[in-house]
């Protein structure tokens, strides 16, 4: 058995990409969010679909019955996915937060 280094990169078809090998999301995300805010991306999506059928998910109030936990995050993430998928499908999807914890 040989111990020489063999360059296997030429034996496998790997596409060339400009993407970095690391996500570095903690560094990149603030810039991406800033770009989206400058573009008013959410406003453009709403305006594009304004005359379409509405899909409104009335988000409930902040949880007043206990501390935030992983289930809270999962709940918000799933609601976000549902609303955004309907926006992609062409529905008018304004975000309607809920704040009334006591029925007032």
C-alpha atoms as a PDB file:
ATOM      1  CA  UNK A   1       0.000   0.000   0.000  1.00  0.00           C
ATOM      2  CA  UNK A   2       1.395   3.400  -0.930  1.00  0.00           C
ATOM      3  CA  UNK A   3       1.392   6.399   1.338  1.00  0.00           C
ATOM      4  CA  UNK A   4       1.620   8.992  -1.425  1.00  0.00           C
ATOM      5  CA  UNK A   5      -1.012  11.707  -1.569  1.00  0.00           C
ATOM      6  CA  UNK A   6      -3.369  11.227  -4.468  1.00  0.00           C
ATOM      7  CA  UNK A   7      -5.399  14.174  -5.779  1.00  0.00           C
ATOM      8  CA  UNK A   8      -8.899  12.753  -6.129  1.00  0.00           C
ATOM      9  CA  UNK A   9     -10.450  16.115  -7.056  1.00  0.00           C
ATOM     10  CA  UNK A  10      -9.887  15.383 -10.743  1.00  0.00           C
ATOM     11  CA  UNK A  11     -11.707  12.034 -10.487  1.00  0.00           C
ATOM     12  CA  UNK A  12     -14.994  13.494  -9.234  1.00  0.00           C
ATOM     13  CA  UNK A  13     -17.173  15.972 -11.109  1.00  0.00           C
ATOM     14  CA  UNK A  14     -17.577  18.903  -8.759  1.00  0.00           C
ATOM     15  CA  UNK A  15     -19.198  22.077 -10.076  1.00  0.00           C
ATOM     16  CA  UNK A  16     -17.285  25.317  -9.753  1.00  0.00           C
ATOM     17  CA  UNK A  17     -19.066  27.811  -7.534  1.00  0.00           C
ATOM     18  CA  UNK A  18     -18.429  31.239  -6.106  1.00  0.00           C
ATOM     19  CA  UNK A  19     -20.104  30.219  -2.847  1.00  0.00           C
ATOM     20  CA  UNK A  20     -17.819  30.059   0.127  1.00  0.00           C
ATOM     21  CA  UNK A  21     -17.412  26.795   1.996  1.00  0.00           C
ATOM     22  CA  UNK A  22     -18.733  28.360   5.181  1.00  0.00           C
ATOM     23  CA  UNK A  23     -22.061  30.056   5.677  1.00  0.00           C
ATOM     24  CA  UNK A  24     -20.819  32.679   8.174  1.00  0.00           C
ATOM     25  CA  UNK A  25     -24.480  33.590   8.710  1.00  0.00           C
ATOM     26  CA  UNK A  26     -23.801  35.631  11.826  1.00  0.00           C
ATOM     27  CA  UNK A  27     -21.685  37.929   9.665  1.00  0.00           C
ATOM     28  CA  UNK A  28     -23.777  37.849   6.475  1.00  0.00           C
ATOM     29  CA  UNK A  29     -27.332  37.987   7.838  1.00  0.00           C
ATOM     30  CA  UNK A  30     -27.263  41.632   9.014  1.00  0.00           C
ATOM     31  CA  UNK A  31     -26.214  42.748   5.523  1.00  0.00           C
ATOM     32  CA  UNK A  32     -28.896  40.650   3.860  1.00  0.00           C
ATOM     33  CA  UNK A  33     -31.584  42.019   6.191  1.00  0.00           C
ATOM     34  CA  UNK A  34     -30.386  45.574   5.553  1.00  0.00           C
ATOM     35  CA  UNK A  35     -30.621  45.013   1.791  1.00  0.00           C
ATOM     36  CA  UNK A  36     -34.154  43.650   2.118  1.00  0.00           C
ATOM     37  CA  UNK A  37     -35.173  46.626   4.281  1.00  0.00           C
ATOM     38  CA  UNK A  38     -33.711  49.126   1.794  1.00  0.00           C
ATOM     39  CA  UNK A  39     -35.572  47.359  -1.028  1.00  0.00           C
ATOM     40  CA  UNK A  40     -38.774  47.307   1.052  1.00  0.00           C
ATOM     41  CA  UNK A  41     -39.078  43.687  -0.033  1.00  0.00           C
ATOM     42  CA  UNK A  42     -42.044  42.897   2.215  1.00  0.00           C
ATOM     43  CA  UNK A  43     -43.890  45.985   0.946  1.00  0.00           C
ATOM     44  CA  UNK A  44     -43.235  45.003  -2.665  1.00  0.00           C
ATOM     45  CA  UNK A  45     -44.546  41.483  -2.081  1.00  0.00           C
ATOM     46  CA  UNK A  46     -47.708  42.863  -0.462  1.00  0.00           C
ATOM     47  CA  UNK A  47     -48.216  45.411  -3.238  1.00  0.00           C
ATOM     48  CA  UNK A  48     -47.714  42.800  -5.973  1.00  0.00           C
ATOM     49  CA  UNK A  49     -50.424  40.589  -4.452  1.00  0.00           C
ATOM     50  CA  UNK A  50     -52.737  43.352  -3.173  1.00  0.00           C
ATOM     51  CA  UNK A  51     -55.584  42.529  -5.586  1.00  0.00           C
ATOM     52  CA  UNK A  52     -55.292  38.753  -5.051  1.00  0.00           C
ATOM     53  CA  UNK A  53     -57.348  36.630  -2.693  1.00  0.00           C
ATOM     54  CA  UNK A  54     -56.310  37.297   0.897  1.00  0.00           C
ATOM     55  CA  UNK A  55     -54.778  34.704   3.175  1.00  0.00           C
ATOM     56  CA  UNK A  56     -54.662  36.104   6.689  1.00  0.00           C
ATOM     57  CA  UNK A  57     -53.267  34.105   9.559  1.00  0.00           C
ATOM     58  CA  UNK A  58     -54.196  35.958  12.722  1.00  0.00           C
ATOM     59  CA  UNK A  59     -51.190  35.346  14.906  1.00  0.00           C
ATOM     60  CA  UNK A  60     -52.120  34.924  18.529  1.00  0.00           C
ATOM     61  CA  UNK A  61     -50.925  37.162  21.328  1.00  0.00           C
ATOM     62  CA  UNK A  62     -47.501  36.835  22.879  1.00  0.00           C
ATOM     63  CA  UNK A  63     -47.485  33.962  25.298  1.00  0.00           C
ATOM     64  CA  UNK A  64     -48.502  35.184  28.731  1.00  0.00           C
ATOM     65  CA  UNK A  65     -48.835  31.717  30.239  1.00  0.00           C
ATOM     66  CA  UNK A  66     -45.169  30.876  30.746  1.00  0.00           C
ATOM     67  CA  UNK A  67     -41.608  31.476  29.657  1.00  0.00           C
ATOM     68  CA  UNK A  68     -40.583  31.234  26.011  1.00  0.00           C
ATOM     69  CA  UNK A  69     -39.379  27.746  25.029  1.00  0.00           C
ATOM     70  CA  UNK A  70     -38.506  25.773  21.897  1.00  0.00           C
ATOM     71  CA  UNK A  71     -42.196  25.131  21.201  1.00  0.00           C
ATOM     72  CA  UNK A  72     -42.763  28.895  21.048  1.00  0.00           C
ATOM     73  CA  UNK A  73     -40.079  29.207  18.384  1.00  0.00           C
ATOM     74  CA  UNK A  74     -41.441  26.236  16.434  1.00  0.00           C
ATOM     75  CA  UNK A  75     -44.940  27.751  16.512  1.00  0.00           C
ATOM     76  CA  UNK A  76     -43.716  31.084  15.111  1.00  0.00           C
ATOM     77  CA  UNK A  77     -41.514  29.408  12.483  1.00  0.00           C
ATOM     78  CA  UNK A  78     -44.351  27.209  11.212  1.00  0.00           C
ATOM     79  CA  UNK A  79     -46.728  30.175  10.980  1.00  0.00           C
ATOM     80  CA  UNK A  80     -44.073  32.139   9.098  1.00  0.00           C
ATOM     81  CA  UNK A  81     -43.576  29.273   6.627  1.00  0.00           C
ATOM     82  CA  UNK A  82     -47.328  28.974   6.010  1.00  0.00           C
ATOM     83  CA  UNK A  83     -47.770  32.710   5.396  1.00  0.00           C
ATOM     84  CA  UNK A  84     -44.703  33.024   3.159  1.00  0.00           C
ATOM     85  CA  UNK A  85     -45.662  29.972   1.108  1.00  0.00           C
ATOM     86  CA  UNK A  86     -49.077  31.522   0.475  1.00  0.00           C
ATOM     87  CA  UNK A  87     -47.392  34.776  -0.583  1.00  0.00           C
ATOM     88  CA  UNK A  88     -45.316  32.788  -3.082  1.00  0.00           C
ATOM     89  CA  UNK A  89     -48.535  31.195  -4.357  1.00  0.00           C
ATOM     90  CA  UNK A  90     -49.874  34.698  -5.069  1.00  0.00           C
ATOM     91  CA  UNK A  91     -52.143  35.370  -2.101  1.00  0.00           C
ATOM     92  CA  UNK A  92     -52.299  38.741  -0.374  1.00  0.00           C
ATOM     93  CA  UNK A  93     -50.742  37.937   3.017  1.00  0.00           C
ATOM     94  CA  UNK A  94     -50.516  40.880   5.420  1.00  0.00           C
ATOM     95  CA  UNK A  95     -49.013  40.077   8.810  1.00  0.00           C
ATOM     96  CA  UNK A  96     -51.623  40.512  11.551  1.00  0.00           C
ATOM     97  CA  UNK A  97     -50.035  40.225  14.998  1.00  0.00           C
ATOM     98  CA  UNK A  98     -52.211  39.528  18.002  1.00  0.00           C
ATOM     99  CA  UNK A  99     -51.798  41.556  21.176  1.00  0.00           C
ATOM    100  CA  UNK A 100     -55.042  41.116  23.076  1.00  0.00           C
ATOM    101  CA  UNK A 101     -54.204  38.603  25.824  1.00  0.00           C
ATOM    102  CA  UNK A 102     -57.294  39.349  27.914  1.00  0.00           C
ATOM    103  CA  UNK A 103     -60.144  39.810  25.432  1.00  0.00           C
ATOM    104  CA  UNK A 104     -60.272  43.575  25.881  1.00  0.00           C
END
